[in-house]
Amino acid sequence: MTRVHDMGGRFGDGPVLPEPEHHIFDAEWHKRALALTLAAGALGKWNIDTSRHARESLAPKDYARFGYYEKWIAALADLLVKTDVVSRAELVGALPDSRPLVEKALTADAVPTVLAKGGPADRPSDVIQMFQPGAMVLTRHRAENTAVNGGHTRLPSYASGAKGQILRCHGTHVLPDCAAHGLGDCAEPLYAVAFAASELWAHPENPRDQVVLDLWQSYLEPTP
């Protein structure tokens, strides 16, 4: 069953209509949503893959009707309760906050340093690099997490079972399929893989265009 968030290449949704004028934030509360999400992440209770999976796990009816930052806030609320940072009663204001995490709070003066530092995901690994630049590969036939049923993966459905070419290896990085579910880093080689538009889309406007995806080694196999 296709996951609700995995919409790339799906038919029937109509054309993508870019906004005539791009705004980073379309509403004042969007800024607060971003700030709250970053501040909560600084508590160290989850990682970026866990937070992505929380958004993917929203009820389909909510995912379909929520805007971008509504998805962020809804998933954040779920994570705060799941990790016992707050209770459901505290979240809705029925009880006062009884579990302050002042010692881990992200203060305003620390924000520039934290954002500049980022969160590197490269890790050492014993997994041997299988592919070199120029090699032809096939992606996993089904875009699924093979460790956790229904779990997070960075292989999009539209690229499953497709033939591509290795452009480069980025080194070894945390495997999201494990990290999102508390299974450790499971670091393995990460590749930039180029796919012809004609390989991915039934009716590409420009068949010779390419889509480049960063894909982990366990998503790939050599072509016959």
C-alpha atoms as a PDB file:
ATOM      1  CA  MET A   1       0.000   0.000   0.000  1.00  0.00           C
ATOM      2  CA  THR A   2       1.409   3.389  -0.986  1.00  0.00           C
ATOM      3  CA  ARG A   3       2.127   5.625   1.998  1.00  0.00           C
ATOM      4  CA  VAL A   4       0.138   8.859   1.982  1.00  0.00           C
ATOM      5  CA  HIS A   5       3.191  11.135   1.979  1.00  0.00           C
ATOM      6  CA  ASP A   6       4.943   9.351  -0.922  1.00  0.00           C
ATOM      7  CA  MET A   7       3.266  11.401  -3.657  1.00  0.00           C
ATOM      8  CA  GLY A   8       6.039  11.823  -6.227  1.00  0.00           C
ATOM      9  CA  GLY A   9       4.939  10.752  -9.703  1.00  0.00           C
ATOM     10  CA  ARG A  10       1.406   9.946  -8.585  1.00  0.00           C
ATOM     11  CA  PHE A  11      -1.291  10.442 -11.204  1.00  0.00           C
ATOM     12  CA  GLY A  12      -4.492  12.395 -10.720  1.00  0.00           C
ATOM     13  CA  ASP A  13      -3.327  15.251  -8.493  1.00  0.00           C
ATOM     14  CA  GLY A  14      -3.231  17.838 -11.260  1.00  0.00           C
ATOM     15  CA  PRO A  15      -0.387  20.136 -12.306  1.00  0.00           C
ATOM     16  CA  VAL A  16       2.076  21.743  -9.922  1.00  0.00           C
ATOM     17  CA  LEU A  17       1.277  25.463  -9.882  1.00  0.00           C
ATOM     18  CA  PRO A  18       4.180  27.557  -8.557  1.00  0.00           C
ATOM     19  CA  GLU A  19       3.212  30.634  -6.584  1.00  0.00           C
ATOM     20  CA  PRO A  20       3.895  33.873  -8.495  1.00  0.00           C
ATOM     21  CA  GLU A  21       5.838  35.255  -5.529  1.00  0.00           C
ATOM     22  CA  HIS A  22       7.805  33.049  -3.178  1.00  0.00           C
ATOM     23  CA  HIS A  23       7.533  33.643   0.556  1.00  0.00           C
ATOM     24  CA  ILE A  24       9.579  31.715   3.095  1.00  0.00           C
ATOM     25  CA  PHE A  25       6.728  32.086   5.581  1.00  0.00           C
ATOM     26  CA  ASP A  26       3.144  32.669   4.437  1.00  0.00           C
ATOM     27  CA  ALA A  27       1.870  33.363   7.954  1.00  0.00           C
ATOM     28  CA  GLU A  28       3.423  34.749  11.115  1.00  0.00           C
ATOM     29  CA  TRP A  29       2.771  31.538  13.052  1.00  0.00           C
ATOM     30  CA  HIS A  30       4.865  29.561  10.541  1.00  0.00           C
ATOM     31  CA  LYS A  31       7.978  31.186  12.004  1.00  0.00           C
ATOM     32  CA  ARG A  32       6.970  30.053  15.476  1.00  0.00           C
ATOM     33  CA  ALA A  33       6.238  26.531  14.205  1.00  0.00           C
ATOM     34  CA  LEU A  34       9.747  26.267  12.778  1.00  0.00           C
ATOM     35  CA  ALA A  35      11.333  27.724  15.911  1.00  0.00           C
ATOM     36  CA  LEU A  36       9.366  25.422  18.210  1.00  0.00           C
ATOM     37  CA  THR A  37      10.300  22.359  16.148  1.00  0.00           C
ATOM     38  CA  LEU A  38      14.009  23.234  16.221  1.00  0.00           C
ATOM     39  CA  ALA A  39      13.939  24.040  19.930  1.00  0.00           C
ATOM     40  CA  ALA A  40      12.169  20.781  20.764  1.00  0.00           C
ATOM     41  CA  GLY A  41      14.628  18.829  18.642  1.00  0.00           C
ATOM     42  CA  ALA A  42      17.472  20.314  20.701  1.00  0.00           C
ATOM     43  CA  LEU A  43      16.170  18.383  23.711  1.00  0.00           C
ATOM     44  CA  GLY A  44      17.828  15.307  22.193  1.00  0.00           C
ATOM     45  CA  LYS A  45      14.786  13.047  22.480  1.00  0.00           C
ATOM     46  CA  TRP A  46      14.685  12.147  18.756  1.00  0.00           C
ATOM     47  CA  ASN A  47      16.622  12.538  15.524  1.00  0.00           C
ATOM     48  CA  ILE A  48      15.721  13.964  12.130  1.00  0.00           C
ATOM     49  CA  ASP A  49      14.625  10.589  10.768  1.00  0.00           C
ATOM     50  CA  THR A  50      12.328  10.036  13.748  1.00  0.00           C
ATOM     51  CA  SER A  51      10.730  13.428  13.135  1.00  0.00           C
ATOM     52  CA  ARG A  52      10.275  12.698   9.427  1.00  0.00           C
ATOM     53  CA  HIS A  53       8.584   9.410  10.237  1.00  0.00           C
ATOM     54  CA  ALA A  54       6.294  11.163  12.721  1.00  0.00           C
ATOM     55  CA  ARG A  55       5.040  13.414   9.907  1.00  0.00           C
ATOM     56  CA  GLU A  56       4.613  10.435   7.603  1.00  0.00           C
ATOM     57  CA  SER A  57       2.594   8.668  10.308  1.00  0.00           C
ATOM     58  CA  LEU A  58      -0.108  11.317  10.611  1.00  0.00           C
ATOM     59  CA  ALA A  59      -3.603  10.058   9.844  1.00  0.00           C
ATOM     60  CA  PRO A  60      -4.127  10.137   6.044  1.00  0.00           C
ATOM     61  CA  LYS A  61      -7.127  12.465   6.352  1.00  0.00           C
ATOM     62  CA  ASP A  62      -5.026  14.900   8.404  1.00  0.00           C
ATOM     63  CA  TYR A  63      -1.997  14.646   6.139  1.00  0.00           C
ATOM     64  CA  ALA A  64      -4.153  15.441   3.116  1.00  0.00           C
ATOM     65  CA  ARG A  65      -5.818  18.516   4.638  1.00  0.00           C
ATOM     66  CA  PHE A  66      -2.960  19.967   6.694  1.00  0.00           C
ATOM     67  CA  GLY A  67      -0.605  22.594   5.320  1.00  0.00           C
ATOM     68  CA  TYR A  68       3.160  22.213   5.544  1.00  0.00           C
ATOM     69  CA  TYR A  69       3.657  23.689   9.002  1.00  0.00           C
ATOM     70  CA  GLU A  70       0.438  22.138  10.303  1.00  0.00           C
ATOM     71  CA  LYS A  71       2.052  18.763   9.570  1.00  0.00           C
ATOM     72  CA  TRP A  72       5.141  19.865  11.487  1.00  0.00           C
ATOM     73  CA  ILE A  73       3.182  20.938  14.555  1.00  0.00           C
ATOM     74  CA  ALA A  74       0.928  17.863  14.579  1.00  0.00           C
ATOM     75  CA  ALA A  75       3.910  15.522  14.342  1.00  0.00           C
ATOM     76  CA  LEU A  76       5.781  17.497  17.006  1.00  0.00           C
ATOM     77  CA  ALA A  77       2.860  17.134  19.398  1.00  0.00           C
ATOM     78  CA  ASP A  78       2.885  13.373  18.820  1.00  0.00           C
ATOM     79  CA  LEU A  79       6.651  13.198  19.452  1.00  0.00           C
ATOM     80  CA  LEU A  80       6.470  15.251  22.654  1.00  0.00           C
ATOM     81  CA  VAL A  81       3.874  12.891  24.100  1.00  0.00           C
ATOM     82  CA  LYS A  82       5.528   9.721  22.782  1.00  0.00           C
ATOM     83  CA  THR A  83       8.876  10.648  24.349  1.00  0.00           C
ATOM     84  CA  ASP A  84       7.223  11.657  27.639  1.00  0.00           C
ATOM     85  CA  VAL A  85       8.353  15.263  27.431  1.00  0.00           C
ATOM     86  CA  VAL A  86       4.762  16.281  28.138  1.00  0.00           C
ATOM     87  CA  SER A  87       1.557  14.391  28.801  1.00  0.00           C
ATOM     88  CA  ARG A  88      -1.555  14.755  26.661  1.00  0.00           C
ATOM     89  CA  ALA A  89      -3.205  16.654  29.512  1.00  0.00           C
ATOM     90  CA  GLU A  90      -0.287  19.076  29.704  1.00  0.00           C
ATOM     91  CA  LEU A  91      -0.292  19.499  25.946  1.00  0.00           C
ATOM     92  CA  VAL A  92      -3.896  20.703  25.870  1.00  0.00           C
ATOM     93  CA  GLY A  93      -3.418  22.852  28.969  1.00  0.00           C
ATOM     94  CA  ALA A  94      -5.508  20.717  31.321  1.00  0.00           C
ATOM     95  CA  LEU A  95      -2.531  20.341  33.677  1.00  0.00           C
ATOM     96  CA  PRO A  96       0.425  22.613  34.431  1.00  0.00           C
ATOM     97  CA  ASP A  97       3.790  21.651  32.975  1.00  0.00           C
ATOM     98  CA  SER A  98       5.419  19.337  35.501  1.00  0.00           C
ATOM     99  CA  ARG A  99       8.503  18.219  33.587  1.00  0.00           C
ATOM    100  CA  PRO A 100      10.563  21.299  32.644  1.00  0.00           C
ATOM    101  CA  LEU A 101      13.776  20.640  30.728  1.00  0.00           C
ATOM    102  CA  VAL A 102      15.401  23.977  31.452  1.00  0.00           C
ATOM    103  CA  GLU A 103      18.931  22.593  31.397  1.00  0.00           C
ATOM    104  CA  LYS A 104      18.493  21.494  27.764  1.00  0.00           C
ATOM    105  CA  ALA A 105      16.551  24.512  26.545  1.00  0.00           C
ATOM    106  CA  LEU A 106      17.821  26.103  23.325  1.00  0.00           C
ATOM    107  CA  THR A 107      18.327  29.753  24.210  1.00  0.00           C
ATOM    108  CA  ALA A 108      18.053  32.530  21.630  1.00  0.00           C
ATOM    109  CA  ASP A 109      21.749  33.444  21.829  1.00  0.00           C
ATOM    110  CA  ALA A 110      22.746  29.848  21.040  1.00  0.00           C
ATOM    111  CA  VAL A 111      20.599  29.500  17.925  1.00  0.00           C
ATOM    112  CA  PRO A 112      23.097  30.867  15.342  1.00  0.00           C
ATOM    113  CA  THR A 113      25.836  28.529  16.583  1.00  0.00           C
ATOM    114  CA  VAL A 114      23.552  25.493  16.656  1.00  0.00           C
ATOM    115  CA  LEU A 115      22.216  26.146  13.150  1.00  0.00           C
ATOM    116  CA  ALA A 116      25.694  26.765  11.759  1.00  0.00           C
ATOM    117  CA  LYS A 117      26.937  23.505  13.266  1.00  0.00           C
ATOM    118  CA  GLY A 118      24.085  21.478  11.789  1.00  0.00           C
ATOM    119  CA  GLY A 119      23.706  17.761  12.410  1.00  0.00           C
ATOM    120  CA  PRO A 120      26.202  15.801  10.295  1.00  0.00           C
ATOM    121  CA  ALA A 121      25.055  12.249   9.527  1.00  0.00           C
ATOM    122  CA  ASP A 122      28.331  10.782   8.264  1.00  0.00           C
ATOM    123  CA  ARG A 123      29.538   7.896  10.421  1.00  0.00           C
ATOM    124  CA  PRO A 124      32.261   5.247  10.216  1.00  0.00           C
ATOM    125  CA  SER A 125      31.072   1.887   8.893  1.00  0.00           C
ATOM    126  CA  ASP A 126      32.382  -1.621   8.257  1.00  0.00           C
ATOM    127  CA  VAL A 127      30.074  -1.982   5.242  1.00  0.00           C
ATOM    128  CA  ILE A 128      32.203  -2.305   2.094  1.00  0.00           C
ATOM    129  CA  GLN A 129      31.451   0.088  -0.766  1.00  0.00           C
ATOM    130  CA  MET A 130      29.996  -2.020  -3.588  1.00  0.00           C
ATOM    131  CA  PHE A 131      29.693   0.545  -6.392  1.00  0.00           C
ATOM    132  CA  GLN A 132      32.000   2.968  -8.146  1.00  0.00           C
ATOM    133  CA  PRO A 133      31.087   6.085 -10.183  1.00  0.00           C
ATOM    134  CA  GLY A 134      29.768   5.070 -13.597  1.00  0.00           C
ATOM    135  CA  ALA A 135      28.278   1.762 -12.431  1.00  0.00           C
ATOM    136  CA  MET A 136      24.698   0.963 -13.445  1.00  0.00           C
ATOM    137  CA  VAL A 137      22.382  -0.089 -10.620  1.00  0.00           C
ATOM    138  CA  LEU A 138      18.784  -1.045  -9.975  1.00  0.00           C
ATOM    139  CA  THR A 139      16.826   0.270  -7.019  1.00  0.00           C
ATOM    140  CA  ARG A 140      14.925  -2.035  -4.708  1.00  0.00           C
ATOM    141  CA  HIS A 141      11.767  -3.230  -6.445  1.00  0.00           C
ATOM    142  CA  ARG A 142       9.563  -2.110  -3.560  1.00  0.00           C
ATOM    143  CA  ALA A 143      10.103   1.159  -1.721  1.00  0.00           C
ATOM    144  CA  GLU A 144       9.808  -0.280   1.756  1.00  0.00           C
ATOM    145  CA  ASN A 145      11.729  -0.458   4.985  1.00  0.00           C
ATOM    146  CA  THR A 146      13.049  -4.019   5.167  1.00  0.00           C
ATOM    147  CA  ALA A 147      13.809  -3.780   8.907  1.00  0.00           C
ATOM    148  CA  VAL A 148      10.501  -2.322  10.169  1.00  0.00           C
ATOM    149  CA  ASN A 149       7.158  -3.098   8.591  1.00  0.00           C
ATOM    150  CA  GLY A 150       5.676   0.208   7.444  1.00  0.00           C
ATOM    151  CA  GLY A 151       8.762   2.046   8.663  1.00  0.00           C
ATOM    152  CA  HIS A 152      10.612   5.079   7.355  1.00  0.00           C
ATOM    153  CA  THR A 153      12.716   4.920   4.202  1.00  0.00           C
ATOM    154  CA  ARG A 154      14.285   7.488   1.895  1.00  0.00           C
ATOM    155  CA  LEU A 155      13.658   5.463  -1.260  1.00  0.00           C
ATOM    156  CA  PRO A 156      10.687   7.113  -3.012  1.00  0.00           C
ATOM    157  CA  SER A 157       8.096   4.898  -4.699  1.00  0.00           C
ATOM    158  CA  TYR A 158       8.504   6.582  -8.080  1.00  0.00           C
ATOM    159  CA  ALA A 159      12.144   5.447  -8.197  1.00  0.00           C
ATOM    160  CA  SER A 160      11.620   1.853  -7.042  1.00  0.00           C
ATOM    161  CA  GLY A 161      12.642  -0.783  -9.567  1.00  0.00           C
ATOM    162  CA  ALA A 162      14.384   1.845 -11.725  1.00  0.00           C
ATOM    163  CA  LYS A 163      17.777   1.718 -13.450  1.00  0.00           C
ATOM    164  CA  GLY A 164      20.236   4.486 -12.685  1.00  0.00           C
ATOM    165  CA  GLN A 165      23.932   5.350 -12.795  1.00  0.00           C
ATOM    166  CA  ILE A 166      26.213   6.038  -9.845  1.00  0.00           C
ATOM    167  CA  LEU A 167      27.595   9.577 -10.011  1.00  0.00           C
ATOM    168  CA  ARG A 168      29.563   9.556  -6.771  1.00  0.00           C
ATOM    169  CA  CYS A 169      29.788   8.055  -3.302  1.00  0.00           C
ATOM    170  CA  HIS A 170      29.272  10.477  -0.406  1.00  0.00           C
ATOM    171  CA  GLY A 171      30.981   8.207   2.104  1.00  0.00           C
ATOM    172  CA  THR A 172      29.140   6.294   4.813  1.00  0.00           C
ATOM    173  CA  HIS A 173      26.093   7.816   6.473  1.00  0.00           C
ATOM    174  CA  VAL A 174      23.412   6.940   9.024  1.00  0.00           C
ATOM    175  CA  LEU A 175      20.746   4.707   7.446  1.00  0.00           C
ATOM    176  CA  PRO A 176      17.358   6.426   8.005  1.00  0.00           C
ATOM    177  CA  ASP A 177      15.516   3.095   7.921  1.00  0.00           C
ATOM    178  CA  CYS A 178      17.238   2.160  11.201  1.00  0.00           C
ATOM    179  CA  ALA A 179      17.732   5.569  12.800  1.00  0.00           C
ATOM    180  CA  ALA A 180      14.046   6.500  12.612  1.00  0.00           C
ATOM    181  CA  HIS A 181      13.160   3.515  14.794  1.00  0.00           C
ATOM    182  CA  GLY A 182      15.860   3.500  17.461  1.00  0.00           C
ATOM    183  CA  LEU A 183      17.822   0.669  15.833  1.00  0.00           C
ATOM    184  CA  GLY A 184      21.154   2.492  15.791  1.00  0.00           C
ATOM    185  CA  ASP A 185      23.070   4.247  13.035  1.00  0.00           C
ATOM    186  CA  CYS A 186      23.523   1.193  10.746  1.00  0.00           C
ATOM    187  CA  ALA A 187      25.780   3.417   8.640  1.00  0.00           C
ATOM    188  CA  GLU A 188      26.437   2.351   5.068  1.00  0.00           C
ATOM    189  CA  PRO A 189      27.637   3.897   1.773  1.00  0.00           C
ATOM    190  CA  LEU A 190      25.458   6.677   0.376  1.00  0.00           C
ATOM    191  CA  TYR A 191      25.457   7.367  -3.372  1.00  0.00           C
ATOM    192  CA  ALA A 192      24.276  10.066  -5.745  1.00  0.00           C
ATOM    193  CA  VAL A 193      22.380   8.136  -8.432  1.00  0.00           C
ATOM    194  CA  ALA A 194      21.192   9.661 -11.720  1.00  0.00           C
ATOM    195  CA  PHE A 195      17.998   8.457 -13.411  1.00  0.00           C
ATOM    196  CA  ALA A 196      16.794   9.418 -16.866  1.00  0.00           C
ATOM    197  CA  ALA A 197      13.368  11.052 -16.821  1.00  0.00           C
ATOM    198  CA  SER A 198      12.205   8.390 -19.287  1.00  0.00           C
ATOM    199  CA  GLU A 199      13.118   5.724 -16.718  1.00  0.00           C
ATOM    200  CA  LEU A 200      10.913   7.257 -14.027  1.00  0.00           C
ATOM    201  CA  TRP A 201       7.944   8.873 -15.760  1.00  0.00           C
ATOM    202  CA  ALA A 202       5.428   7.437 -18.212  1.00  0.00           C
ATOM    203  CA  HIS A 203       5.196  10.659 -20.234  1.00  0.00           C
ATOM    204  CA  PRO A 204       8.188  12.896 -19.463  1.00  0.00           C
ATOM    205  CA  GLU A 205       8.129  16.325 -21.038  1.00  0.00           C
ATOM    206  CA  ASN A 206      11.890  16.129 -21.579  1.00  0.00           C
ATOM    207  CA  PRO A 207      12.922  12.434 -21.697  1.00  0.00           C
ATOM    208  CA  ARG A 208      16.654  13.237 -21.552  1.00  0.00           C
ATOM    209  CA  ASP A 209      16.359  15.175 -18.308  1.00  0.00           C
ATOM    210  CA  GLN A 210      17.822  13.535 -15.217  1.00  0.00           C
ATOM    211  CA  VAL A 211      16.741  13.175 -11.615  1.00  0.00           C
ATOM    212  CA  VAL A 212      19.569  12.698  -9.097  1.00  0.00           C
ATOM    213  CA  LEU A 213      18.735  10.972  -5.817  1.00  0.00           C
ATOM    214  CA  ASP A 214      20.915  10.247  -2.795  1.00  0.00           C
ATOM    215  CA  LEU A 215      20.352   6.553  -2.049  1.00  0.00           C
ATOM    216  CA  TRP A 216      21.835   4.135   0.462  1.00  0.00           C
ATOM    217  CA  GLN A 217      23.616   0.984  -0.650  1.00  0.00           C
ATOM    218  CA  SER A 218      20.956  -1.373   0.710  1.00  0.00           C
ATOM    219  CA  TYR A 219      18.456   0.280  -1.654  1.00  0.00           C
ATOM    220  CA  LEU A 220      20.562  -0.766  -4.654  1.00  0.00           C
ATOM    221  CA  GLU A 221      21.696  -3.846  -6.525  1.00  0.00           C
ATOM    222  CA  PRO A 222      23.940  -4.280  -9.568  1.00  0.00           C
ATOM    223  CA  THR A 223      22.288  -4.537 -12.973  1.00  0.00           C
ATOM    224  CA  PRO A 224      22.311  -8.031 -14.484  1.00  0.00           C
END
